[in-house]
């Protein structure tokens, strides 16, 4: 059992080390599998590498959090009310809100082989997708890769897509007033036990009855691997200091659902409406998951203006 545990931790540490090294690779999309090979790739990078247009927009909440909205569009649509065919391209923008322990990039992660297409051409003389029977439309595009990723499917139908990165996630990077910490302060904020190799390497050793050279070798190798991983992570923190310093500041995490309901979602909807092409409805369609759904429902119940602007 101890040997198996040792092997498991060795594999885990090696994967961590390779992951850190692999994240620095210049290649982002593997030409064979068409999957992303870069760890930590942003939503905007994912969208652009699929051939779509992407921008990162930021707004700051009254309590000082700088949040990121990723805007995605299909280059085959002009988004100005005109098109090469008879289909009206101006459709409601769609705001995607992710759940807990995730971020906006996950909405576009499952997208191998997705490319910009104009699905409105499948409508023929029909001027609205609502006039086409749903099962008939799905039958026509069932084998298209964008069916695995709702944001890309929406862009292929002419919608603008906006991905909100909630506070505490990738790209929504910091809270105002917490950017002046030094590298030393950040490293001191890391609990000592995080990289205490003795906690793992001493696991089970008290129960060992006799000295075992193979196990000793395993634990020594594990200790070296942990030390190497610690060094690599420290280097990564120093190299990307501005984007990770906030994570070690307790004040950065001093927020609840209340602030997101009061500030984040209403401001995100207002920003999307202000920077998207105007539509007849003047509303934003919202697609949310898990905690994102809870926040949306809470905001709708608490904020009548938000409810009138979204659906």
C-alpha atoms as a PDB file:
ATOM      1  CA  UNK A   1       0.000   0.000   0.000  1.00  0.00           C
ATOM      2  CA  UNK A   2       2.844   2.372   0.874  1.00  0.00           C
ATOM      3  CA  UNK A   3       4.606   1.595  -2.397  1.00  0.00           C
ATOM      4  CA  UNK A   4       1.456   2.320  -4.362  1.00  0.00           C
ATOM      5  CA  UNK A   5       0.984   5.602  -2.487  1.00  0.00           C
ATOM      6  CA  UNK A   6       4.581   6.539  -3.230  1.00  0.00           C
ATOM      7  CA  UNK A   7       4.136   5.778  -6.912  1.00  0.00           C
ATOM      8  CA  UNK A   8       0.944   7.817  -6.984  1.00  0.00           C
ATOM      9  CA  UNK A   9       2.608  10.894  -5.498  1.00  0.00           C
ATOM     10  CA  UNK A  10       5.582  10.559  -7.849  1.00  0.00           C
ATOM     11  CA  UNK A  11       3.254  10.493 -10.858  1.00  0.00           C
ATOM     12  CA  UNK A  12       1.294  13.424  -9.430  1.00  0.00           C
ATOM     13  CA  UNK A  13       4.417  15.540  -8.894  1.00  0.00           C
ATOM     14  CA  UNK A  14       5.801  14.682 -12.326  1.00  0.00           C
ATOM     15  CA  UNK A  15       2.503  15.730 -13.890  1.00  0.00           C
ATOM     16  CA  UNK A  16       2.650  19.033 -12.001  1.00  0.00           C
ATOM     17  CA  UNK A  17       6.225  19.657 -13.115  1.00  0.00           C
ATOM     18  CA  UNK A  18       5.465  18.796 -16.730  1.00  0.00           C
ATOM     19  CA  UNK A  19       2.345  20.948 -16.548  1.00  0.00           C
ATOM     20  CA  UNK A  20       4.315  24.011 -15.483  1.00  0.00           C
ATOM     21  CA  UNK A  21       6.854  23.444 -18.242  1.00  0.00           C
ATOM     22  CA  UNK A  22       4.180  22.640 -20.795  1.00  0.00           C
ATOM     23  CA  UNK A  23       2.279  25.818 -19.977  1.00  0.00           C
ATOM     24  CA  UNK A  24       5.169  27.821 -21.397  1.00  0.00           C
ATOM     25  CA  UNK A  25       4.947  26.123 -24.789  1.00  0.00           C
ATOM     26  CA  UNK A  26       4.401  28.530 -27.679  1.00  0.00           C
ATOM     27  CA  UNK A  27       2.123  26.106 -29.492  1.00  0.00           C
ATOM     28  CA  UNK A  28      -1.488  26.624 -28.447  1.00  0.00           C
ATOM     29  CA  UNK A  29      -3.495  24.332 -30.743  1.00  0.00           C
ATOM     30  CA  UNK A  30      -2.237  20.841 -31.465  1.00  0.00           C
ATOM     31  CA  UNK A  31      -2.400  20.368 -35.270  1.00  0.00           C
ATOM     32  CA  UNK A  32      -3.403  16.696 -34.944  1.00  0.00           C
ATOM     33  CA  UNK A  33      -6.055  16.707 -32.239  1.00  0.00           C
ATOM     34  CA  UNK A  34      -7.028  20.388 -32.694  1.00  0.00           C
ATOM     35  CA  UNK A  35      -7.074  20.697 -28.922  1.00  0.00           C
ATOM     36  CA  UNK A  36      -5.423  23.428 -26.864  1.00  0.00           C
ATOM     37  CA  UNK A  37      -2.045  22.449 -25.442  1.00  0.00           C
ATOM     38  CA  UNK A  38      -1.382  25.570 -23.382  1.00  0.00           C
ATOM     39  CA  UNK A  39      -2.402  25.523 -19.729  1.00  0.00           C
ATOM     40  CA  UNK A  40      -4.187  28.662 -18.560  1.00  0.00           C
ATOM     41  CA  UNK A  41      -5.305  29.779 -22.018  1.00  0.00           C
ATOM     42  CA  UNK A  42      -7.846  32.591 -21.778  1.00  0.00           C
ATOM     43  CA  UNK A  43     -11.316  32.622 -23.292  1.00  0.00           C
ATOM     44  CA  UNK A  44     -10.270  35.324 -25.770  1.00  0.00           C
ATOM     45  CA  UNK A  45      -7.303  33.222 -26.934  1.00  0.00           C
ATOM     46  CA  UNK A  46      -9.547  30.184 -27.375  1.00  0.00           C
ATOM     47  CA  UNK A  47     -12.053  32.140 -29.432  1.00  0.00           C
ATOM     48  CA  UNK A  48      -9.404  33.788 -31.632  1.00  0.00           C
ATOM     49  CA  UNK A  49      -7.593  30.512 -32.311  1.00  0.00           C
ATOM     50  CA  UNK A  50     -10.871  29.094 -33.627  1.00  0.00           C
ATOM     51  CA  UNK A  51     -11.029  31.897 -36.202  1.00  0.00           C
ATOM     52  CA  UNK A  52     -13.531  34.164 -34.441  1.00  0.00           C
ATOM     53  CA  UNK A  53     -13.164  37.753 -33.240  1.00  0.00           C
ATOM     54  CA  UNK A  54     -12.515  38.260 -29.529  1.00  0.00           C
ATOM     55  CA  UNK A  55     -11.925  41.215 -27.234  1.00  0.00           C
ATOM     56  CA  UNK A  56     -11.408  41.620 -23.503  1.00  0.00           C
ATOM     57  CA  UNK A  57     -13.414  44.353 -21.786  1.00  0.00           C
ATOM     58  CA  UNK A  58     -13.083  45.484 -18.172  1.00  0.00           C
ATOM     59  CA  UNK A  59     -15.242  47.366 -15.726  1.00  0.00           C
ATOM     60  CA  UNK A  60     -14.701  48.242 -12.070  1.00  0.00           C
ATOM     61  CA  UNK A  61     -17.345  47.713  -9.403  1.00  0.00           C
ATOM     62  CA  UNK A  62     -18.110  50.287  -6.671  1.00  0.00           C
ATOM     63  CA  UNK A  63     -16.274  48.121  -4.114  1.00  0.00           C
ATOM     64  CA  UNK A  64     -13.139  48.052  -6.264  1.00  0.00           C
ATOM     65  CA  UNK A  65     -13.136  44.754  -8.169  1.00  0.00           C
ATOM     66  CA  UNK A  66     -11.959  44.886 -11.781  1.00  0.00           C
ATOM     67  CA  UNK A  67     -13.968  42.308 -13.724  1.00  0.00           C
ATOM     68  CA  UNK A  68     -13.396  40.972 -17.231  1.00  0.00           C
ATOM     69  CA  UNK A  69     -15.946  40.396 -19.969  1.00  0.00           C
ATOM     70  CA  UNK A  70     -14.799  38.478 -23.060  1.00  0.00           C
ATOM     71  CA  UNK A  71     -16.648  39.437 -26.220  1.00  0.00           C
ATOM     72  CA  UNK A  72     -16.835  36.940 -29.080  1.00  0.00           C
ATOM     73  CA  UNK A  73     -18.170  37.516 -32.602  1.00  0.00           C
ATOM     74  CA  UNK A  74     -18.327  35.656 -35.880  1.00  0.00           C
ATOM     75  CA  UNK A  75     -16.365  37.405 -38.692  1.00  0.00           C
ATOM     76  CA  UNK A  76     -18.889  36.111 -41.254  1.00  0.00           C
ATOM     77  CA  UNK A  77     -21.525  38.445 -39.823  1.00  0.00           C
ATOM     78  CA  UNK A  78     -21.347  42.208 -40.203  1.00  0.00           C
ATOM     79  CA  UNK A  79     -23.299  43.073 -37.022  1.00  0.00           C
ATOM     80  CA  UNK A  80     -24.557  46.296 -38.571  1.00  0.00           C
ATOM     81  CA  UNK A  81     -27.920  45.187 -39.887  1.00  0.00           C
ATOM     82  CA  UNK A  82     -26.657  44.199 -43.330  1.00  0.00           C
ATOM     83  CA  UNK A  83     -25.543  40.867 -44.736  1.00  0.00           C
ATOM     84  CA  UNK A  84     -24.800  39.090 -47.986  1.00  0.00           C
ATOM     85  CA  UNK A  85     -28.055  37.169 -47.639  1.00  0.00           C
ATOM     86  CA  UNK A  86     -31.594  38.178 -46.710  1.00  0.00           C
ATOM     87  CA  UNK A  87     -31.301  37.144 -43.058  1.00  0.00           C
ATOM     88  CA  UNK A  88     -31.195  39.860 -40.421  1.00  0.00           C
ATOM     89  CA  UNK A  89     -27.984  39.360 -38.432  1.00  0.00           C
ATOM     90  CA  UNK A  90     -28.781  41.580 -35.479  1.00  0.00           C
ATOM     91  CA  UNK A  91     -29.782  39.267 -32.655  1.00  0.00           C
ATOM     92  CA  UNK A  92     -29.761  39.696 -28.920  1.00  0.00           C
ATOM     93  CA  UNK A  93     -26.339  39.427 -27.289  1.00  0.00           C
ATOM     94  CA  UNK A  94     -25.907  36.451 -24.973  1.00  0.00           C
ATOM     95  CA  UNK A  95     -24.178  36.759 -21.596  1.00  0.00           C
ATOM     96  CA  UNK A  96     -22.703  33.547 -20.172  1.00  0.00           C
ATOM     97  CA  UNK A  97     -22.168  33.356 -16.397  1.00  0.00           C
ATOM     98  CA  UNK A  98     -20.100  30.458 -15.048  1.00  0.00           C
ATOM     99  CA  UNK A  99     -20.478  28.572 -11.775  1.00  0.00           C
ATOM    100  CA  UNK A 100     -18.326  28.214  -8.685  1.00  0.00           C
ATOM    101  CA  UNK A 101     -14.683  27.071  -8.954  1.00  0.00           C
ATOM    102  CA  UNK A 102     -14.607  27.770 -12.705  1.00  0.00           C
ATOM    103  CA  UNK A 103     -14.217  30.703 -15.097  1.00  0.00           C
ATOM    104  CA  UNK A 104     -15.354  31.999 -18.473  1.00  0.00           C
ATOM    105  CA  UNK A 105     -12.874  29.882 -20.445  1.00  0.00           C
ATOM    106  CA  UNK A 106     -14.746  26.689 -19.597  1.00  0.00           C
ATOM    107  CA  UNK A 107     -17.649  27.738 -21.818  1.00  0.00           C
ATOM    108  CA  UNK A 108     -15.398  27.427 -24.892  1.00  0.00           C
ATOM    109  CA  UNK A 109     -13.076  24.625 -23.741  1.00  0.00           C
ATOM    110  CA  UNK A 110     -14.885  21.782 -25.522  1.00  0.00           C
ATOM    111  CA  UNK A 111     -14.432  23.128 -29.033  1.00  0.00           C
ATOM    112  CA  UNK A 112     -12.107  20.988 -31.185  1.00  0.00           C
ATOM    113  CA  UNK A 113     -12.478  21.626 -34.937  1.00  0.00           C
ATOM    114  CA  UNK A 114     -14.993  24.471 -34.453  1.00  0.00           C
ATOM    115  CA  UNK A 115     -14.757  27.106 -37.188  1.00  0.00           C
ATOM    116  CA  UNK A 116     -16.797  30.207 -38.139  1.00  0.00           C
ATOM    117  CA  UNK A 117     -19.886  29.341 -40.172  1.00  0.00           C
ATOM    118  CA  UNK A 118     -23.096  31.076 -41.141  1.00  0.00           C
ATOM    119  CA  UNK A 119     -25.928  28.781 -40.103  1.00  0.00           C
ATOM    120  CA  UNK A 120     -28.520  31.358 -41.128  1.00  0.00           C
ATOM    121  CA  UNK A 121     -27.909  30.277 -44.730  1.00  0.00           C
ATOM    122  CA  UNK A 122     -29.567  26.995 -43.815  1.00  0.00           C
ATOM    123  CA  UNK A 123     -32.828  28.896 -43.425  1.00  0.00           C
ATOM    124  CA  UNK A 124     -33.057  29.604 -47.132  1.00  0.00           C
ATOM    125  CA  UNK A 125     -35.799  32.170 -47.676  1.00  0.00           C
ATOM    126  CA  UNK A 126     -36.797  32.079 -44.008  1.00  0.00           C
ATOM    127  CA  UNK A 127     -35.917  35.366 -42.323  1.00  0.00           C
ATOM    128  CA  UNK A 128     -35.889  34.082 -38.754  1.00  0.00           C
ATOM    129  CA  UNK A 129     -34.592  30.945 -37.101  1.00  0.00           C
ATOM    130  CA  UNK A 130     -37.786  30.848 -35.036  1.00  0.00           C
ATOM    131  CA  UNK A 131     -39.746  30.054 -38.228  1.00  0.00           C
ATOM    132  CA  UNK A 132     -37.705  26.896 -38.731  1.00  0.00           C
ATOM    133  CA  UNK A 133     -38.729  23.828 -36.783  1.00  0.00           C
ATOM    134  CA  UNK A 134     -36.193  23.060 -34.089  1.00  0.00           C
ATOM    135  CA  UNK A 135     -35.835  19.378 -34.930  1.00  0.00           C
ATOM    136  CA  UNK A 136     -35.310  20.228 -38.602  1.00  0.00           C
ATOM    137  CA  UNK A 137     -32.582  22.734 -37.782  1.00  0.00           C
ATOM    138  CA  UNK A 138     -30.813  20.364 -35.380  1.00  0.00           C
ATOM    139  CA  UNK A 139     -30.920  17.645 -37.980  1.00  0.00           C
ATOM    140  CA  UNK A 140     -29.091  19.893 -40.441  1.00  0.00           C
ATOM    141  CA  UNK A 141     -26.251  20.835 -38.091  1.00  0.00           C
ATOM    142  CA  UNK A 142     -26.156  17.770 -35.833  1.00  0.00           C
ATOM    143  CA  UNK A 143     -22.660  16.736 -36.972  1.00  0.00           C
ATOM    144  CA  UNK A 144     -21.125  20.186 -36.728  1.00  0.00           C
ATOM    145  CA  UNK A 145     -18.440  20.588 -34.014  1.00  0.00           C
ATOM    146  CA  UNK A 146     -20.085  23.760 -32.679  1.00  0.00           C
ATOM    147  CA  UNK A 147     -22.940  21.627 -31.347  1.00  0.00           C
ATOM    148  CA  UNK A 148     -20.619  20.734 -28.458  1.00  0.00           C
ATOM    149  CA  UNK A 149     -20.130  24.369 -27.408  1.00  0.00           C
ATOM    150  CA  UNK A 150     -23.103  26.713 -26.993  1.00  0.00           C
ATOM    151  CA  UNK A 151     -21.123  29.991 -27.333  1.00  0.00           C
ATOM    152  CA  UNK A 152     -19.696  28.929 -30.708  1.00  0.00           C
ATOM    153  CA  UNK A 153     -23.096  27.677 -31.846  1.00  0.00           C
ATOM    154  CA  UNK A 154     -24.596  31.041 -30.896  1.00  0.00           C
ATOM    155  CA  UNK A 155     -21.874  32.909 -32.818  1.00  0.00           C
ATOM    156  CA  UNK A 156     -22.554  30.739 -35.880  1.00  0.00           C
ATOM    157  CA  UNK A 157     -26.163  31.891 -35.635  1.00  0.00           C
ATOM    158  CA  UNK A 158     -25.118  35.555 -35.597  1.00  0.00           C
ATOM    159  CA  UNK A 159     -25.226  36.342 -31.887  1.00  0.00           C
ATOM    160  CA  UNK A 160     -22.627  38.326 -30.003  1.00  0.00           C
ATOM    161  CA  UNK A 161     -21.314  36.268 -27.102  1.00  0.00           C
ATOM    162  CA  UNK A 162     -20.125  37.758 -23.813  1.00  0.00           C
ATOM    163  CA  UNK A 163     -18.396  35.611 -21.170  1.00  0.00           C
ATOM    164  CA  UNK A 164     -18.295  37.048 -17.663  1.00  0.00           C
ATOM    165  CA  UNK A 165     -15.335  36.151 -15.471  1.00  0.00           C
ATOM    166  CA  UNK A 166     -16.741  36.572 -11.975  1.00  0.00           C
ATOM    167  CA  UNK A 167     -14.648  38.031  -9.151  1.00  0.00           C
ATOM    168  CA  UNK A 168     -12.078  35.589  -7.832  1.00  0.00           C
ATOM    169  CA  UNK A 169     -11.419  34.002 -11.242  1.00  0.00           C
ATOM    170  CA  UNK A 170      -8.985  34.155 -14.129  1.00  0.00           C
ATOM    171  CA  UNK A 171      -8.760  37.586 -15.831  1.00  0.00           C
ATOM    172  CA  UNK A 172     -10.912  39.318 -13.194  1.00  0.00           C
ATOM    173  CA  UNK A 173      -7.593  39.901 -11.616  1.00  0.00           C
ATOM    174  CA  UNK A 174      -7.624  42.212  -8.674  1.00  0.00           C
ATOM    175  CA  UNK A 175      -9.336  44.477  -6.239  1.00  0.00           C
ATOM    176  CA  UNK A 176      -8.307  48.130  -6.254  1.00  0.00           C
ATOM    177  CA  UNK A 177      -5.859  48.979  -3.495  1.00  0.00           C
ATOM    178  CA  UNK A 178      -4.270  45.534  -3.304  1.00  0.00           C
ATOM    179  CA  UNK A 179      -1.668  45.777  -6.065  1.00  0.00           C
ATOM    180  CA  UNK A 180       1.262  47.138  -4.071  1.00  0.00           C
ATOM    181  CA  UNK A 181       2.344  43.961  -2.338  1.00  0.00           C
ATOM    182  CA  UNK A 182       5.935  42.878  -2.911  1.00  0.00           C
ATOM    183  CA  UNK A 183       7.087  39.436  -3.997  1.00  0.00           C
ATOM    184  CA  UNK A 184       8.398  38.796  -0.484  1.00  0.00           C
ATOM    185  CA  UNK A 185       5.003  39.639   1.028  1.00  0.00           C
ATOM    186  CA  UNK A 186       3.256  37.291  -1.366  1.00  0.00           C
ATOM    187  CA  UNK A 187       5.625  34.412  -0.652  1.00  0.00           C
ATOM    188  CA  UNK A 188       5.207  34.953   3.091  1.00  0.00           C
ATOM    189  CA  UNK A 189       1.444  34.692   2.654  1.00  0.00           C
ATOM    190  CA  UNK A 190       1.760  31.114   1.386  1.00  0.00           C
ATOM    191  CA  UNK A 191       1.157  28.667   4.259  1.00  0.00           C
ATOM    192  CA  UNK A 192       4.350  26.810   5.154  1.00  0.00           C
ATOM    193  CA  UNK A 193       2.513  23.492   5.128  1.00  0.00           C
ATOM    194  CA  UNK A 194       1.658  23.817   1.432  1.00  0.00           C
ATOM    195  CA  UNK A 195       5.143  22.732   0.403  1.00  0.00           C
ATOM    196  CA  UNK A 196       6.116  20.750   3.513  1.00  0.00           C
ATOM    197  CA  UNK A 197       7.358  17.572   1.873  1.00  0.00           C
ATOM    198  CA  UNK A 198       7.804  15.804   5.221  1.00  0.00           C
ATOM    199  CA  UNK A 199       4.023  15.657   5.688  1.00  0.00           C
ATOM    200  CA  UNK A 200       3.734  13.428   2.618  1.00  0.00           C
ATOM    201  CA  UNK A 201       7.048  11.621   2.691  1.00  0.00           C
ATOM    202  CA  UNK A 202       6.602  10.621   6.337  1.00  0.00           C
ATOM    203  CA  UNK A 203       3.232   9.131   5.530  1.00  0.00           C
ATOM    204  CA  UNK A 204       3.173   5.531   6.674  1.00  0.00           C
ATOM    205  CA  UNK A 205       6.822   5.441   7.711  1.00  0.00           C
ATOM    206  CA  UNK A 206       5.961   5.007  11.412  1.00  0.00           C
ATOM    207  CA  UNK A 207       4.117   1.802  10.555  1.00  0.00           C
ATOM    208  CA  UNK A 208       7.066   0.306   8.699  1.00  0.00           C
ATOM    209  CA  UNK A 209       8.621  -2.586  10.604  1.00  0.00           C
ATOM    210  CA  UNK A 210      11.909  -2.886   8.748  1.00  0.00           C
ATOM    211  CA  UNK A 211      14.078  -0.725   6.580  1.00  0.00           C
ATOM    212  CA  UNK A 212      13.219  -1.043   2.920  1.00  0.00           C
ATOM    213  CA  UNK A 213      15.684   0.297   0.346  1.00  0.00           C
ATOM    214  CA  UNK A 214      13.095   0.475  -2.387  1.00  0.00           C
ATOM    215  CA  UNK A 215      10.767   2.526  -0.216  1.00  0.00           C
ATOM    216  CA  UNK A 216      13.601   4.762   0.938  1.00  0.00           C
ATOM    217  CA  UNK A 217      14.456   5.461  -2.687  1.00  0.00           C
ATOM    218  CA  UNK A 218      10.806   6.243  -3.432  1.00  0.00           C
ATOM    219  CA  UNK A 219      10.546   8.726  -0.556  1.00  0.00           C
ATOM    220  CA  UNK A 220      13.854  10.398  -1.424  1.00  0.00           C
ATOM    221  CA  UNK A 221      12.727  10.797  -5.029  1.00  0.00           C
ATOM    222  CA  UNK A 222       9.389  12.155  -3.840  1.00  0.00           C
ATOM    223  CA  UNK A 223      11.117  14.698  -1.599  1.00  0.00           C
ATOM    224  CA  UNK A 224      13.301  15.895  -4.488  1.00  0.00           C
ATOM    225  CA  UNK A 225      10.237  16.150  -6.727  1.00  0.00           C
ATOM    226  CA  UNK A 226       8.386  18.251  -4.156  1.00  0.00           C
ATOM    227  CA  UNK A 227      11.368  20.554  -3.766  1.00  0.00           C
ATOM    228  CA  UNK A 228      11.598  20.944  -7.554  1.00  0.00           C
ATOM    229  CA  UNK A 229       7.879  21.674  -7.799  1.00  0.00           C
ATOM    230  CA  UNK A 230       8.127  24.265  -5.027  1.00  0.00           C
ATOM    231  CA  UNK A 231      10.984  26.003  -6.829  1.00  0.00           C
ATOM    232  CA  UNK A 232       9.099  26.023 -10.134  1.00  0.00           C
ATOM    233  CA  UNK A 233       5.941  27.410  -8.555  1.00  0.00           C
ATOM    234  CA  UNK A 234       7.909  30.131  -6.778  1.00  0.00           C
ATOM    235  CA  UNK A 235       9.536  31.069 -10.085  1.00  0.00           C
ATOM    236  CA  UNK A 236       6.112  31.158 -11.743  1.00  0.00           C
ATOM    237  CA  UNK A 237       4.820  33.469  -8.992  1.00  0.00           C
ATOM    238  CA  UNK A 238       7.744  35.838  -9.460  1.00  0.00           C
ATOM    239  CA  UNK A 239       7.406  35.765 -13.253  1.00  0.00           C
ATOM    240  CA  UNK A 240       3.645  36.418 -13.216  1.00  0.00           C
ATOM    241  CA  UNK A 241       3.588  38.470 -10.026  1.00  0.00           C
ATOM    242  CA  UNK A 242       0.977  41.045 -11.050  1.00  0.00           C
ATOM    243  CA  UNK A 243      -1.574  38.416 -12.046  1.00  0.00           C
ATOM    244  CA  UNK A 244      -1.204  36.197  -8.962  1.00  0.00           C
ATOM    245  CA  UNK A 245      -0.342  38.568  -6.112  1.00  0.00           C
ATOM    246  CA  UNK A 246      -3.999  39.262  -5.347  1.00  0.00           C
ATOM    247  CA  UNK A 247      -4.693  35.557  -4.789  1.00  0.00           C
ATOM    248  CA  UNK A 248      -2.621  35.610  -1.605  1.00  0.00           C
ATOM    249  CA  UNK A 249      -4.309  38.702  -0.191  1.00  0.00           C
ATOM    250  CA  UNK A 250      -7.088  37.759   2.300  1.00  0.00           C
ATOM    251  CA  UNK A 251      -8.830  41.073   1.583  1.00  0.00           C
ATOM    252  CA  UNK A 252      -9.278  40.062  -2.051  1.00  0.00           C
ATOM    253  CA  UNK A 253     -11.573  37.212  -0.987  1.00  0.00           C
ATOM    254  CA  UNK A 254     -13.667  39.366   1.343  1.00  0.00           C
ATOM    255  CA  UNK A 255     -16.879  39.217  -0.687  1.00  0.00           C
ATOM    256  CA  UNK A 256     -20.134  37.280  -0.775  1.00  0.00           C
ATOM    257  CA  UNK A 257     -22.986  36.637  -3.186  1.00  0.00           C
ATOM    258  CA  UNK A 258     -24.566  39.916  -2.048  1.00  0.00           C
ATOM    259  CA  UNK A 259     -21.912  42.077  -3.729  1.00  0.00           C
ATOM    260  CA  UNK A 260     -22.188  40.108  -6.957  1.00  0.00           C
ATOM    261  CA  UNK A 261     -25.964  40.537  -6.964  1.00  0.00           C
ATOM    262  CA  UNK A 262     -25.771  44.238  -6.111  1.00  0.00           C
ATOM    263  CA  UNK A 263     -22.876  45.200  -8.400  1.00  0.00           C
ATOM    264  CA  UNK A 264     -21.411  42.581 -10.730  1.00  0.00           C
ATOM    265  CA  UNK A 265     -24.349  41.223 -12.703  1.00  0.00           C
ATOM    266  CA  UNK A 266     -26.253  44.524 -13.147  1.00  0.00           C
ATOM    267  CA  UNK A 267     -23.068  46.261 -14.284  1.00  0.00           C
ATOM    268  CA  UNK A 268     -22.208  43.384 -16.642  1.00  0.00           C
ATOM    269  CA  UNK A 269     -25.629  43.558 -18.329  1.00  0.00           C
ATOM    270  CA  UNK A 270     -25.432  47.347 -18.641  1.00  0.00           C
ATOM    271  CA  UNK A 271     -21.943  47.072 -20.140  1.00  0.00           C
ATOM    272  CA  UNK A 272     -23.043  44.451 -22.673  1.00  0.00           C
ATOM    273  CA  UNK A 273     -26.016  46.555 -23.764  1.00  0.00           C
ATOM    274  CA  UNK A 274     -23.835  49.662 -24.070  1.00  0.00           C
ATOM    275  CA  UNK A 275     -21.201  47.939 -26.227  1.00  0.00           C
ATOM    276  CA  UNK A 276     -23.307  45.572 -28.358  1.00  0.00           C
ATOM    277  CA  UNK A 277     -25.209  46.368 -31.521  1.00  0.00           C
ATOM    278  CA  UNK A 278     -28.721  47.622 -30.621  1.00  0.00           C
ATOM    279  CA  UNK A 279     -31.594  45.172 -31.008  1.00  0.00           C
ATOM    280  CA  UNK A 280     -35.352  45.606 -31.151  1.00  0.00           C
ATOM    281  CA  UNK A 281     -35.852  44.063 -27.722  1.00  0.00           C
ATOM    282  CA  UNK A 282     -33.036  45.981 -26.030  1.00  0.00           C
ATOM    283  CA  UNK A 283     -32.381  42.967 -23.819  1.00  0.00           C
ATOM    284  CA  UNK A 284     -29.562  40.542 -23.051  1.00  0.00           C
ATOM    285  CA  UNK A 285     -30.160  36.806 -23.051  1.00  0.00           C
ATOM    286  CA  UNK A 286     -28.454  35.127 -20.092  1.00  0.00           C
ATOM    287  CA  UNK A 287     -27.116  31.583 -19.974  1.00  0.00           C
ATOM    288  CA  UNK A 288     -25.853  30.639 -16.519  1.00  0.00           C
ATOM    289  CA  UNK A 289     -24.558  27.556 -14.754  1.00  0.00           C
ATOM    290  CA  UNK A 290     -24.678  26.481 -11.110  1.00  0.00           C
ATOM    291  CA  UNK A 291     -23.785  29.473  -8.907  1.00  0.00           C
ATOM    292  CA  UNK A 292     -24.134  31.695 -11.969  1.00  0.00           C
ATOM    293  CA  UNK A 293     -27.796  30.628 -12.181  1.00  0.00           C
ATOM    294  CA  UNK A 294     -28.367  31.345  -8.500  1.00  0.00           C
ATOM    295  CA  UNK A 295     -26.814  34.795  -8.836  1.00  0.00           C
ATOM    296  CA  UNK A 296     -28.937  35.544 -11.907  1.00  0.00           C
ATOM    297  CA  UNK A 297     -32.190  34.554 -10.190  1.00  0.00           C
ATOM    298  CA  UNK A 298     -31.295  36.506  -7.060  1.00  0.00           C
ATOM    299  CA  UNK A 299     -30.442  39.593  -9.100  1.00  0.00           C
ATOM    300  CA  UNK A 300     -33.688  39.347 -11.059  1.00  0.00           C
ATOM    301  CA  UNK A 301     -35.686  39.150  -7.836  1.00  0.00           C
ATOM    302  CA  UNK A 302     -33.830  42.040  -6.187  1.00  0.00           C
ATOM    303  CA  UNK A 303     -33.299  44.376  -9.148  1.00  0.00           C
ATOM    304  CA  UNK A 304     -36.313  45.250 -11.313  1.00  0.00           C
ATOM    305  CA  UNK A 305     -34.189  47.165 -13.830  1.00  0.00           C
ATOM    306  CA  UNK A 306     -31.950  44.135 -14.287  1.00  0.00           C
ATOM    307  CA  UNK A 307     -35.009  41.945 -14.769  1.00  0.00           C
ATOM    308  CA  UNK A 308     -36.324  44.299 -17.468  1.00  0.00           C
ATOM    309  CA  UNK A 309     -33.019  44.235 -19.363  1.00  0.00           C
ATOM    310  CA  UNK A 310     -32.381  40.498 -19.338  1.00  0.00           C
ATOM    311  CA  UNK A 311     -34.077  37.227 -19.981  1.00  0.00           C
END
